Amino acid sequence: MPILLAIALHPEARPVIERFRLKQDASFDLPVFRRDDVWLAVTGTGRMKSAIATTHLIAQVETRENTFIFNLGIAGHTQKAGEGPVSVGDRFLVNKIVEQGTGRSFYPDLLARTPLAESPVTTVDQPLGRTDADGVEPGLVDMEATGFYQAAAAFLPPHRIGCVKIVSDHLETRRLDKRHVSELIAQSLEELEETISAYSNVSDGGEDVLTDADVRIVEHIRNRLRLTASRHRILSDLVRAYKLHTGSDMPDLSNFTRVVVKTRQEGNAQFERLRGILSVE
């Protein structure tokens, strides 16, 4: 079961390399460290570099059936220091990724129960200062997540893609000390391992939380909204995530079983409504 890690900077990667006793593999065109089924790529900063390195890393895996990939790294936070519950060193599993440049949003499927709190992240192309915080969605701010996620999603289903971010600052403009960055990552590694284990356990099987009645309703909605195979799978995973996170039954979606869709645009609009109902904040 290959576990792939895409990490932007060497100070972020160093504690992971030491923890898993990884060795550099010179056969790659970028810094890749490996041992057994754990592969780590140092991608460089920015969504484009992250996307290229992520694609290169996944492409080298012979079988992707049980492959998982995680983006691990530091991130700023829009909350002002000392004015809320979020502190430097806090760890989050990303539940929404916003690309500032385009306004597009992406939603990883969080089917696993992990020890991490959840948060959205906004990916920016230039470092964001305190004065710019009001221009992005409240939460984390980084420079890699959208590039990583879009590249990974071209190869793997959303429930096998994860982003784990550690708060390094509250958008102060000071330069971060490399040793401090490594310490923040090192302090998160136990929870990272628990998160990886939780993700792999979801994929390994066990009883599906979707009942036969759930499956019939999802299939009925698929037919009414004329969903593609990909969106049918996403809808099924959204229902699973809702039930796992809330511990309750699937919400009443009967209205969607009576919808008449005549155009692709109408189908897209109804699907986004569904996503909104099933998204767990």
C-alpha atoms as a PDB file:
ATOM      1  CA  MET A   1       0.000   0.000   0.000  1.00  0.00           C
ATOM      2  CA  PRO A   2       2.055   2.993  -1.205  1.00  0.00           C
ATOM      3  CA  ILE A   3       1.856   6.125   0.965  1.00  0.00           C
ATOM      4  CA  LEU A   4       2.932   9.210  -0.974  1.00  0.00           C
ATOM      5  CA  LEU A   5       3.810  12.539   0.625  1.00  0.00           C
ATOM      6  CA  ALA A   6       4.129  15.850  -1.229  1.00  0.00           C
ATOM      7  CA  ILE A   7       5.916  18.457   0.896  1.00  0.00           C
ATOM      8  CA  ALA A   8       6.998  21.880  -0.351  1.00  0.00           C
ATOM      9  CA  LEU A   9      10.158  22.671   1.606  1.00  0.00           C
ATOM     10  CA  HIS A  10      13.179  20.758   2.913  1.00  0.00           C
ATOM     11  CA  PRO A  11      12.725  22.059   6.500  1.00  0.00           C
ATOM     12  CA  GLU A  12       9.171  20.660   6.397  1.00  0.00           C
ATOM     13  CA  ALA A  13      10.326  17.355   4.916  1.00  0.00           C
ATOM     14  CA  ARG A  14      13.332  16.757   7.180  1.00  0.00           C
ATOM     15  CA  PRO A  15      11.442  15.508  10.279  1.00  0.00           C
ATOM     16  CA  VAL A  16       9.348  13.175   8.093  1.00  0.00           C
ATOM     17  CA  ILE A  17      12.451  11.801   6.381  1.00  0.00           C
ATOM     18  CA  GLU A  18      14.001  11.124   9.782  1.00  0.00           C
ATOM     19  CA  ARG A  19      10.810   9.629  11.256  1.00  0.00           C
ATOM     20  CA  PHE A  20      10.366   7.110   8.436  1.00  0.00           C
ATOM     21  CA  ARG A  21      14.128   6.675   7.807  1.00  0.00           C
ATOM     22  CA  LEU A  22      13.787   7.580   4.162  1.00  0.00           C
ATOM     23  CA  LYS A  23      16.715   7.619   1.736  1.00  0.00           C
ATOM     24  CA  GLN A  24      17.018   9.790  -1.358  1.00  0.00           C
ATOM     25  CA  ASP A  25      16.332   8.012  -4.640  1.00  0.00           C
ATOM     26  CA  ALA A  26      18.630   9.483  -7.282  1.00  0.00           C
ATOM     27  CA  SER A  27      16.624   7.939 -10.135  1.00  0.00           C
ATOM     28  CA  PHE A  28      14.036  10.711  -9.852  1.00  0.00           C
ATOM     29  CA  ASP A  29      14.351  14.104 -11.532  1.00  0.00           C
ATOM     30  CA  LEU A  30      13.312  15.862  -8.303  1.00  0.00           C
ATOM     31  CA  PRO A  31      14.143  15.257  -4.638  1.00  0.00           C
ATOM     32  CA  VAL A  32      12.367  12.007  -3.731  1.00  0.00           C
ATOM     33  CA  PHE A  33      13.050  10.008  -0.580  1.00  0.00           C
ATOM     34  CA  ARG A  34      11.858   6.403  -0.193  1.00  0.00           C
ATOM     35  CA  ARG A  35      11.749   3.430   2.109  1.00  0.00           C
ATOM     36  CA  ASP A  36       9.469   0.461   1.570  1.00  0.00           C
ATOM     37  CA  ASP A  37       6.025   1.838   0.649  1.00  0.00           C
ATOM     38  CA  VAL A  38       6.592   5.421   1.853  1.00  0.00           C
ATOM     39  CA  TRP A  39       7.610   7.916  -0.852  1.00  0.00           C
ATOM     40  CA  LEU A  40       8.214  11.611  -0.177  1.00  0.00           C
ATOM     41  CA  ALA A  41       8.712  14.326  -2.793  1.00  0.00           C
ATOM     42  CA  VAL A  42      10.039  17.802  -1.978  1.00  0.00           C
ATOM     43  CA  THR A  43       7.978  19.761  -4.466  1.00  0.00           C
ATOM     44  CA  GLY A  44       9.109  23.348  -4.093  1.00  0.00           C
ATOM     45  CA  THR A  45       6.881  26.314  -3.304  1.00  0.00           C
ATOM     46  CA  GLY A  46       3.763  27.188  -5.308  1.00  0.00           C
ATOM     47  CA  ARG A  47       0.787  25.374  -6.786  1.00  0.00           C
ATOM     48  CA  MET A  48       2.419  24.780 -10.185  1.00  0.00           C
ATOM     49  CA  LYS A  49       5.538  23.159  -8.730  1.00  0.00           C
ATOM     50  CA  SER A  50       3.352  21.131  -6.379  1.00  0.00           C
ATOM     51  CA  ALA A  51       1.185  19.916  -9.260  1.00  0.00           C
ATOM     52  CA  ILE A  52       4.172  18.910 -11.390  1.00  0.00           C
ATOM     53  CA  ALA A  53       5.909  17.048  -8.556  1.00  0.00           C
ATOM     54  CA  THR A  54       2.690  15.340  -7.455  1.00  0.00           C
ATOM     55  CA  THR A  55       2.022  14.137 -11.000  1.00  0.00           C
ATOM     56  CA  HIS A  56       5.586  12.887 -11.353  1.00  0.00           C
ATOM     57  CA  LEU A  57       5.426  11.050  -8.040  1.00  0.00           C
ATOM     58  CA  ILE A  58       2.116   9.277  -8.677  1.00  0.00           C
ATOM     59  CA  ALA A  59       3.162   8.342 -12.222  1.00  0.00           C
ATOM     60  CA  GLN A  60       6.033   6.267 -10.836  1.00  0.00           C
ATOM     61  CA  VAL A  61       3.743   4.022  -8.801  1.00  0.00           C
ATOM     62  CA  GLU A  62       3.081   0.749 -10.604  1.00  0.00           C
ATOM     63  CA  THR A  63      -0.282   0.024  -8.982  1.00  0.00           C
ATOM     64  CA  ARG A  64      -2.529   2.823  -7.723  1.00  0.00           C
ATOM     65  CA  GLU A  65      -5.360   0.661  -6.426  1.00  0.00           C
ATOM     66  CA  ASN A  66      -4.381   1.098  -2.761  1.00  0.00           C
ATOM     67  CA  THR A  67      -2.275   4.248  -3.068  1.00  0.00           C
ATOM     68  CA  PHE A  68      -2.823   7.232  -0.769  1.00  0.00           C
ATOM     69  CA  ILE A  69      -1.281  10.669  -1.083  1.00  0.00           C
ATOM     70  CA  PHE A  70      -0.996  13.498   1.430  1.00  0.00           C
ATOM     71  CA  ASN A  71       0.146  17.096   1.205  1.00  0.00           C
ATOM     72  CA  LEU A  72       1.790  18.034   4.496  1.00  0.00           C
ATOM     73  CA  GLY A  73       3.047  21.501   5.326  1.00  0.00           C
ATOM     74  CA  ILE A  74       2.796  24.740   7.225  1.00  0.00           C
ATOM     75  CA  ALA A  75       0.125  27.351   6.547  1.00  0.00           C
ATOM     76  CA  GLY A  76      -0.849  30.780   7.754  1.00  0.00           C
ATOM     77  CA  HIS A  77      -4.200  31.455   9.386  1.00  0.00           C
ATOM     78  CA  THR A  78      -6.529  34.406   8.880  1.00  0.00           C
ATOM     79  CA  GLN A  79      -7.401  34.683  12.577  1.00  0.00           C
ATOM     80  CA  LYS A  80      -5.457  37.410  14.378  1.00  0.00           C
ATOM     81  CA  ALA A  81      -2.989  36.061  16.921  1.00  0.00           C
ATOM     82  CA  GLY A  82      -4.541  35.737  20.370  1.00  0.00           C
ATOM     83  CA  GLU A  83      -8.021  36.750  19.194  1.00  0.00           C
ATOM     84  CA  GLY A  84      -9.518  33.289  18.728  1.00  0.00           C
ATOM     85  CA  PRO A  85      -9.065  29.583  19.368  1.00  0.00           C
ATOM     86  CA  VAL A  86      -6.402  28.924  16.702  1.00  0.00           C
ATOM     87  CA  SER A  87      -2.746  29.011  17.783  1.00  0.00           C
ATOM     88  CA  VAL A  88       0.605  28.428  16.101  1.00  0.00           C
ATOM     89  CA  GLY A  89       1.205  24.679  16.013  1.00  0.00           C
ATOM     90  CA  ASP A  90      -2.452  23.686  15.653  1.00  0.00           C
ATOM     91  CA  ARG A  91      -3.011  20.923  13.080  1.00  0.00           C
ATOM     92  CA  PHE A  92      -5.886  20.652  10.627  1.00  0.00           C
ATOM     93  CA  LEU A  93      -7.230  18.265   8.013  1.00  0.00           C
ATOM     94  CA  VAL A  94      -8.409  20.316   5.032  1.00  0.00           C
ATOM     95  CA  ASN A  95     -12.097  19.923   4.131  1.00  0.00           C
ATOM     96  CA  LYS A  96     -12.265  22.574   1.398  1.00  0.00           C
ATOM     97  CA  ILE A  97      -9.616  23.988  -0.927  1.00  0.00           C
ATOM     98  CA  VAL A  98     -10.179  27.399  -2.525  1.00  0.00           C
ATOM     99  CA  GLU A  99      -8.041  28.620  -5.409  1.00  0.00           C
ATOM    100  CA  GLN A 100      -7.822  32.379  -4.903  1.00  0.00           C
ATOM    101  CA  GLY A 101      -6.822  33.128  -8.490  1.00  0.00           C
ATOM    102  CA  THR A 102      -9.886  31.485 -10.059  1.00  0.00           C
ATOM    103  CA  GLY A 103     -12.378  31.268  -7.190  1.00  0.00           C
ATOM    104  CA  ARG A 104     -12.750  27.532  -7.791  1.00  0.00           C
ATOM    105  CA  SER A 105     -13.308  25.239  -4.814  1.00  0.00           C
ATOM    106  CA  PHE A 106     -12.422  21.581  -4.316  1.00  0.00           C
ATOM    107  CA  TYR A 107     -13.742  19.201  -1.653  1.00  0.00           C
ATOM    108  CA  PRO A 108     -11.659  16.221  -0.510  1.00  0.00           C
ATOM    109  CA  ASP A 109     -13.795  13.297   0.665  1.00  0.00           C
ATOM    110  CA  LEU A 110     -13.234  12.991   4.407  1.00  0.00           C
ATOM    111  CA  LEU A 111     -14.526   9.489   5.032  1.00  0.00           C
ATOM    112  CA  ALA A 112     -12.055   8.615   7.795  1.00  0.00           C
ATOM    113  CA  ARG A 113     -12.291   9.606  11.448  1.00  0.00           C
ATOM    114  CA  THR A 114      -8.985  11.284  12.273  1.00  0.00           C
ATOM    115  CA  PRO A 115      -7.583  13.055  15.368  1.00  0.00           C
ATOM    116  CA  LEU A 116      -7.444  16.343  13.458  1.00  0.00           C
ATOM    117  CA  ALA A 117      -9.835  19.272  13.443  1.00  0.00           C
ATOM    118  CA  GLU A 118     -10.994  20.377   9.996  1.00  0.00           C
ATOM    119  CA  SER A 119     -10.568  23.680   8.182  1.00  0.00           C
ATOM    120  CA  PRO A 120     -10.768  25.201   4.714  1.00  0.00           C
ATOM    121  CA  VAL A 121      -7.578  26.433   3.061  1.00  0.00           C
ATOM    122  CA  THR A 122      -7.142  29.139   0.440  1.00  0.00           C
ATOM    123  CA  THR A 123      -4.230  28.711  -1.957  1.00  0.00           C
ATOM    124  CA  VAL A 124      -2.606  31.976  -3.013  1.00  0.00           C
ATOM    125  CA  ASP A 125       0.091  32.735  -5.576  1.00  0.00           C
ATOM    126  CA  GLN A 126       1.938  35.288  -3.442  1.00  0.00           C
ATOM    127  CA  PRO A 127       2.462  35.336   0.344  1.00  0.00           C
ATOM    128  CA  LEU A 128      -0.533  36.954   2.016  1.00  0.00           C
ATOM    129  CA  GLY A 129      -0.101  39.708   4.590  1.00  0.00           C
ATOM    130  CA  ARG A 130      -2.249  40.577   7.583  1.00  0.00           C
ATOM    131  CA  THR A 131      -3.898  43.454   5.711  1.00  0.00           C
ATOM    132  CA  ASP A 132      -5.057  41.068   2.968  1.00  0.00           C
ATOM    133  CA  ALA A 133      -6.742  38.571   5.306  1.00  0.00           C
ATOM    134  CA  ASP A 134     -10.218  40.002   4.789  1.00  0.00           C
ATOM    135  CA  GLY A 135     -10.037  39.112   1.102  1.00  0.00           C
ATOM    136  CA  VAL A 136     -10.005  35.334   1.615  1.00  0.00           C
ATOM    137  CA  GLU A 137     -12.253  32.815   3.312  1.00  0.00           C
ATOM    138  CA  PRO A 138     -11.563  32.553   7.066  1.00  0.00           C
ATOM    139  CA  GLY A 139      -9.188  29.685   7.739  1.00  0.00           C
ATOM    140  CA  LEU A 140      -5.837  28.458   6.501  1.00  0.00           C
ATOM    141  CA  VAL A 141      -3.752  30.061   3.750  1.00  0.00           C
ATOM    142  CA  ASP A 142      -1.068  28.214   1.757  1.00  0.00           C
ATOM    143  CA  MET A 143       0.565  28.175  -1.689  1.00  0.00           C
ATOM    144  CA  GLU A 144       0.337  24.497  -2.744  1.00  0.00           C
ATOM    145  CA  ALA A 145      -2.969  22.792  -1.928  1.00  0.00           C
ATOM    146  CA  THR A 146      -4.910  23.446  -5.138  1.00  0.00           C
ATOM    147  CA  GLY A 147      -2.023  22.403  -7.366  1.00  0.00           C
ATOM    148  CA  PHE A 148      -1.469  19.273  -5.311  1.00  0.00           C
ATOM    149  CA  TYR A 149      -5.151  18.349  -5.153  1.00  0.00           C
ATOM    150  CA  GLN A 150      -5.949  18.847  -8.835  1.00  0.00           C
ATOM    151  CA  ALA A 151      -2.916  16.807  -9.885  1.00  0.00           C
ATOM    152  CA  ALA A 152      -3.652  14.009  -7.408  1.00  0.00           C
ATOM    153  CA  ALA A 153      -7.339  13.873  -8.370  1.00  0.00           C
ATOM    154  CA  ALA A 154      -6.347  13.098 -11.964  1.00  0.00           C
ATOM    155  CA  PHE A 155      -5.059   9.724 -10.726  1.00  0.00           C
ATOM    156  CA  LEU A 156      -6.741   8.905  -7.402  1.00  0.00           C
ATOM    157  CA  PRO A 157     -10.266   9.115  -5.936  1.00  0.00           C
ATOM    158  CA  PRO A 158     -10.890  12.002  -3.490  1.00  0.00           C
ATOM    159  CA  HIS A 159     -11.089   9.780  -0.412  1.00  0.00           C
ATOM    160  CA  ARG A 160      -7.461   8.738  -0.928  1.00  0.00           C
ATOM    161  CA  ILE A 161      -6.168  12.323  -1.087  1.00  0.00           C
ATOM    162  CA  GLY A 162      -5.516  14.306   2.088  1.00  0.00           C
ATOM    163  CA  CYS A 163      -4.106  17.716   3.035  1.00  0.00           C
ATOM    164  CA  VAL A 164      -2.701  18.184   6.535  1.00  0.00           C
ATOM    165  CA  LYS A 165      -1.691  21.719   7.506  1.00  0.00           C
ATOM    166  CA  ILE A 166       0.080  23.063  10.590  1.00  0.00           C
ATOM    167  CA  VAL A 167      -0.458  26.701  11.566  1.00  0.00           C
ATOM    168  CA  SER A 168       2.872  28.531  11.406  1.00  0.00           C
ATOM    169  CA  ASP A 169       1.716  32.146  11.714  1.00  0.00           C
ATOM    170  CA  HIS A 170      -1.240  34.498  11.607  1.00  0.00           C
ATOM    171  CA  LEU A 171      -0.201  36.133   8.326  1.00  0.00           C
ATOM    172  CA  GLU A 172       2.556  38.194   9.892  1.00  0.00           C
ATOM    173  CA  THR A 173       5.124  39.302   7.333  1.00  0.00           C
ATOM    174  CA  ARG A 174       8.170  38.046   9.230  1.00  0.00           C
ATOM    175  CA  ARG A 175      10.362  35.352   7.716  1.00  0.00           C
ATOM    176  CA  LEU A 176       9.913  31.948   9.353  1.00  0.00           C
ATOM    177  CA  ASP A 177      12.926  30.298  10.945  1.00  0.00           C
ATOM    178  CA  LYS A 178      13.769  26.949   9.298  1.00  0.00           C
ATOM    179  CA  ARG A 179      14.367  25.243  12.661  1.00  0.00           C
ATOM    180  CA  HIS A 180      10.984  26.432  13.915  1.00  0.00           C
ATOM    181  CA  VAL A 181       9.298  25.088  10.780  1.00  0.00           C
ATOM    182  CA  SER A 182      10.918  21.670  11.310  1.00  0.00           C
ATOM    183  CA  GLU A 183       9.812  21.654  14.941  1.00  0.00           C
ATOM    184  CA  LEU A 184       6.190  22.380  13.976  1.00  0.00           C
ATOM    185  CA  ILE A 185       6.203  19.470  11.539  1.00  0.00           C
ATOM    186  CA  ALA A 186       7.924  17.133  14.018  1.00  0.00           C
ATOM    187  CA  GLN A 187       5.248  17.853  16.628  1.00  0.00           C
ATOM    188  CA  SER A 188       2.522  16.832  14.140  1.00  0.00           C
ATOM    189  CA  LEU A 189       3.918  13.469  13.041  1.00  0.00           C
ATOM    190  CA  GLU A 190       2.089  11.275  15.535  1.00  0.00           C
ATOM    191  CA  GLU A 191      -1.252  12.687  14.353  1.00  0.00           C
ATOM    192  CA  LEU A 192      -0.107  12.372  10.734  1.00  0.00           C
ATOM    193  CA  GLU A 193       0.524   8.656  11.245  1.00  0.00           C
ATOM    194  CA  GLU A 194      -2.873   8.230  12.916  1.00  0.00           C
ATOM    195  CA  THR A 195      -4.497  10.050   9.992  1.00  0.00           C
ATOM    196  CA  ILE A 196      -2.742   7.867   7.421  1.00  0.00           C
ATOM    197  CA  SER A 197      -3.862   4.768   9.328  1.00  0.00           C
ATOM    198  CA  ALA A 198      -7.457   6.040   9.468  1.00  0.00           C
ATOM    199  CA  TYR A 199      -7.493   6.672   5.708  1.00  0.00           C
ATOM    200  CA  SER A 200      -6.101   3.222   4.943  1.00  0.00           C
ATOM    201  CA  ASN A 201      -8.624   1.519   7.210  1.00  0.00           C
ATOM    202  CA  VAL A 202     -11.531   3.080   5.321  1.00  0.00           C
ATOM    203  CA  SER A 203     -10.200   1.693   2.065  1.00  0.00           C
ATOM    204  CA  ASP A 204      -9.374  -1.717   3.529  1.00  0.00           C
ATOM    205  CA  GLY A 205     -12.987  -2.671   3.780  1.00  0.00           C
ATOM    206  CA  GLY A 206     -15.423  -3.331   6.564  1.00  0.00           C
ATOM    207  CA  GLU A 207     -19.146  -2.875   6.406  1.00  0.00           C
ATOM    208  CA  ASP A 208     -20.249  -0.012   4.158  1.00  0.00           C
ATOM    209  CA  VAL A 209     -22.208   2.667   6.010  1.00  0.00           C
ATOM    210  CA  LEU A 210     -24.511   2.980   2.998  1.00  0.00           C
ATOM    211  CA  THR A 211     -27.602   0.853   3.488  1.00  0.00           C
ATOM    212  CA  ASP A 212     -29.482  -0.770   0.611  1.00  0.00           C
ATOM    213  CA  ALA A 213     -32.078   2.006   0.932  1.00  0.00           C
ATOM    214  CA  ASP A 214     -29.322   4.657   0.692  1.00  0.00           C
ATOM    215  CA  VAL A 215     -27.920   3.032  -2.426  1.00  0.00           C
ATOM    216  CA  ARG A 216     -31.358   2.949  -4.064  1.00  0.00           C
ATOM    217  CA  ILE A 217     -31.949   6.631  -3.348  1.00  0.00           C
ATOM    218  CA  VAL A 218     -28.493   7.603  -4.639  1.00  0.00           C
ATOM    219  CA  GLU A 219     -29.088   5.567  -7.803  1.00  0.00           C
ATOM    220  CA  HIS A 220     -32.510   7.202  -8.251  1.00  0.00           C
ATOM    221  CA  ILE A 221     -30.950  10.657  -7.898  1.00  0.00           C
ATOM    222  CA  ARG A 222     -28.236   9.696 -10.358  1.00  0.00           C
ATOM    223  CA  ASN A 223     -30.858   8.865 -12.960  1.00  0.00           C
ATOM    224  CA  ARG A 224     -32.963  11.967 -12.301  1.00  0.00           C
ATOM    225  CA  LEU A 225     -29.984  14.347 -12.475  1.00  0.00           C
ATOM    226  CA  ARG A 226     -28.267  12.428 -15.279  1.00  0.00           C
ATOM    227  CA  LEU A 227     -25.051  12.235 -13.298  1.00  0.00           C
ATOM    228  CA  THR A 228     -21.856  10.958 -14.860  1.00  0.00           C
ATOM    229  CA  ALA A 229     -20.162   7.907 -13.360  1.00  0.00           C
ATOM    230  CA  SER A 230     -17.646  10.211 -11.671  1.00  0.00           C
ATOM    231  CA  ARG A 231     -20.350  12.371 -10.070  1.00  0.00           C
ATOM    232  CA  HIS A 232     -22.295   9.296  -9.027  1.00  0.00           C
ATOM    233  CA  ARG A 233     -19.208   8.119  -7.123  1.00  0.00           C
ATOM    234  CA  ILE A 234     -18.718  11.571  -5.595  1.00  0.00           C
ATOM    235  CA  LEU A 235     -22.362  11.616  -4.461  1.00  0.00           C
ATOM    236  CA  SER A 236     -21.991   8.182  -2.857  1.00  0.00           C
ATOM    237  CA  ASP A 237     -18.835   9.328  -1.047  1.00  0.00           C
ATOM    238  CA  LEU A 238     -20.537  12.532   0.127  1.00  0.00           C
ATOM    239  CA  VAL A 239     -23.348  10.487   1.666  1.00  0.00           C
ATOM    240  CA  ARG A 240     -20.807   8.179   3.342  1.00  0.00           C
ATOM    241  CA  ALA A 241     -18.879  11.160   4.736  1.00  0.00           C
ATOM    242  CA  TYR A 242     -22.094  12.743   6.022  1.00  0.00           C
ATOM    243  CA  LYS A 243     -23.125   9.581   7.863  1.00  0.00           C
ATOM    244  CA  LEU A 244     -19.652   8.966   9.295  1.00  0.00           C
ATOM    245  CA  HIS A 245     -19.193  12.533  10.505  1.00  0.00           C
ATOM    246  CA  THR A 246     -22.674  13.122  11.898  1.00  0.00           C
ATOM    247  CA  GLY A 247     -23.375   9.608  13.149  1.00  0.00           C
ATOM    248  CA  SER A 248     -26.899   9.956  11.771  1.00  0.00           C
ATOM    249  CA  ASP A 249     -28.903   8.702   8.822  1.00  0.00           C
ATOM    250  CA  MET A 250     -28.728  10.219   5.385  1.00  0.00           C
ATOM    251  CA  PRO A 251     -30.757  13.466   5.270  1.00  0.00           C
ATOM    252  CA  ASP A 252     -34.050  13.566   3.397  1.00  0.00           C
ATOM    253  CA  LEU A 253     -33.108  13.855  -0.277  1.00  0.00           C
ATOM    254  CA  SER A 254     -36.510  12.877  -1.634  1.00  0.00           C
ATOM    255  CA  ASN A 255     -36.930  16.221  -3.418  1.00  0.00           C
ATOM    256  CA  PHE A 256     -34.037  15.277  -5.691  1.00  0.00           C
ATOM    257  CA  THR A 257     -35.785  12.053  -6.712  1.00  0.00           C
ATOM    258  CA  ARG A 258     -38.589  14.129  -8.221  1.00  0.00           C
ATOM    259  CA  VAL A 259     -36.488  16.688 -10.086  1.00  0.00           C
ATOM    260  CA  VAL A 260     -36.766  16.869 -13.870  1.00  0.00           C
ATOM    261  CA  VAL A 261     -33.468  17.922 -15.451  1.00  0.00           C
ATOM    262  CA  LYS A 262     -33.498  19.065 -19.073  1.00  0.00           C
ATOM    263  CA  THR A 263     -30.017  20.560 -19.481  1.00  0.00           C
ATOM    264  CA  ARG A 264     -26.514  19.906 -18.175  1.00  0.00           C
ATOM    265  CA  GLN A 265     -26.567  23.305 -16.445  1.00  0.00           C
ATOM    266  CA  GLU A 266     -29.705  22.325 -14.522  1.00  0.00           C
ATOM    267  CA  GLY A 267     -28.077  19.059 -13.515  1.00  0.00           C
ATOM    268  CA  ASN A 268     -24.934  20.891 -12.341  1.00  0.00           C
ATOM    269  CA  ALA A 269     -27.012  23.306 -10.276  1.00  0.00           C
ATOM    270  CA  GLN A 270     -28.916  20.476  -8.584  1.00  0.00           C
ATOM    271  CA  PHE A 271     -25.680  18.601  -7.901  1.00  0.00           C
ATOM    272  CA  GLU A 272     -24.199  21.676  -6.178  1.00  0.00           C
ATOM    273  CA  ARG A 273     -27.343  21.916  -4.049  1.00  0.00           C
ATOM    274  CA  LEU A 274     -26.814  18.288  -3.050  1.00  0.00           C
ATOM    275  CA  ARG A 275     -23.181  18.936  -2.224  1.00  0.00           C
ATOM    276  CA  GLY A 276     -24.195  21.845   0.013  1.00  0.00           C
ATOM    277  CA  ILE A 277     -26.686  19.715   1.943  1.00  0.00           C
ATOM    278  CA  LEU A 278     -24.206  16.860   2.447  1.00  0.00           C
ATOM    279  CA  SER A 279     -21.078  18.901   3.194  1.00  0.00           C
ATOM    280  CA  VAL A 280     -20.159  18.705   6.871  1.00  0.00           C
ATOM    281  CA  GLU A 281     -18.606  21.956   8.081  1.00  0.00           C
END
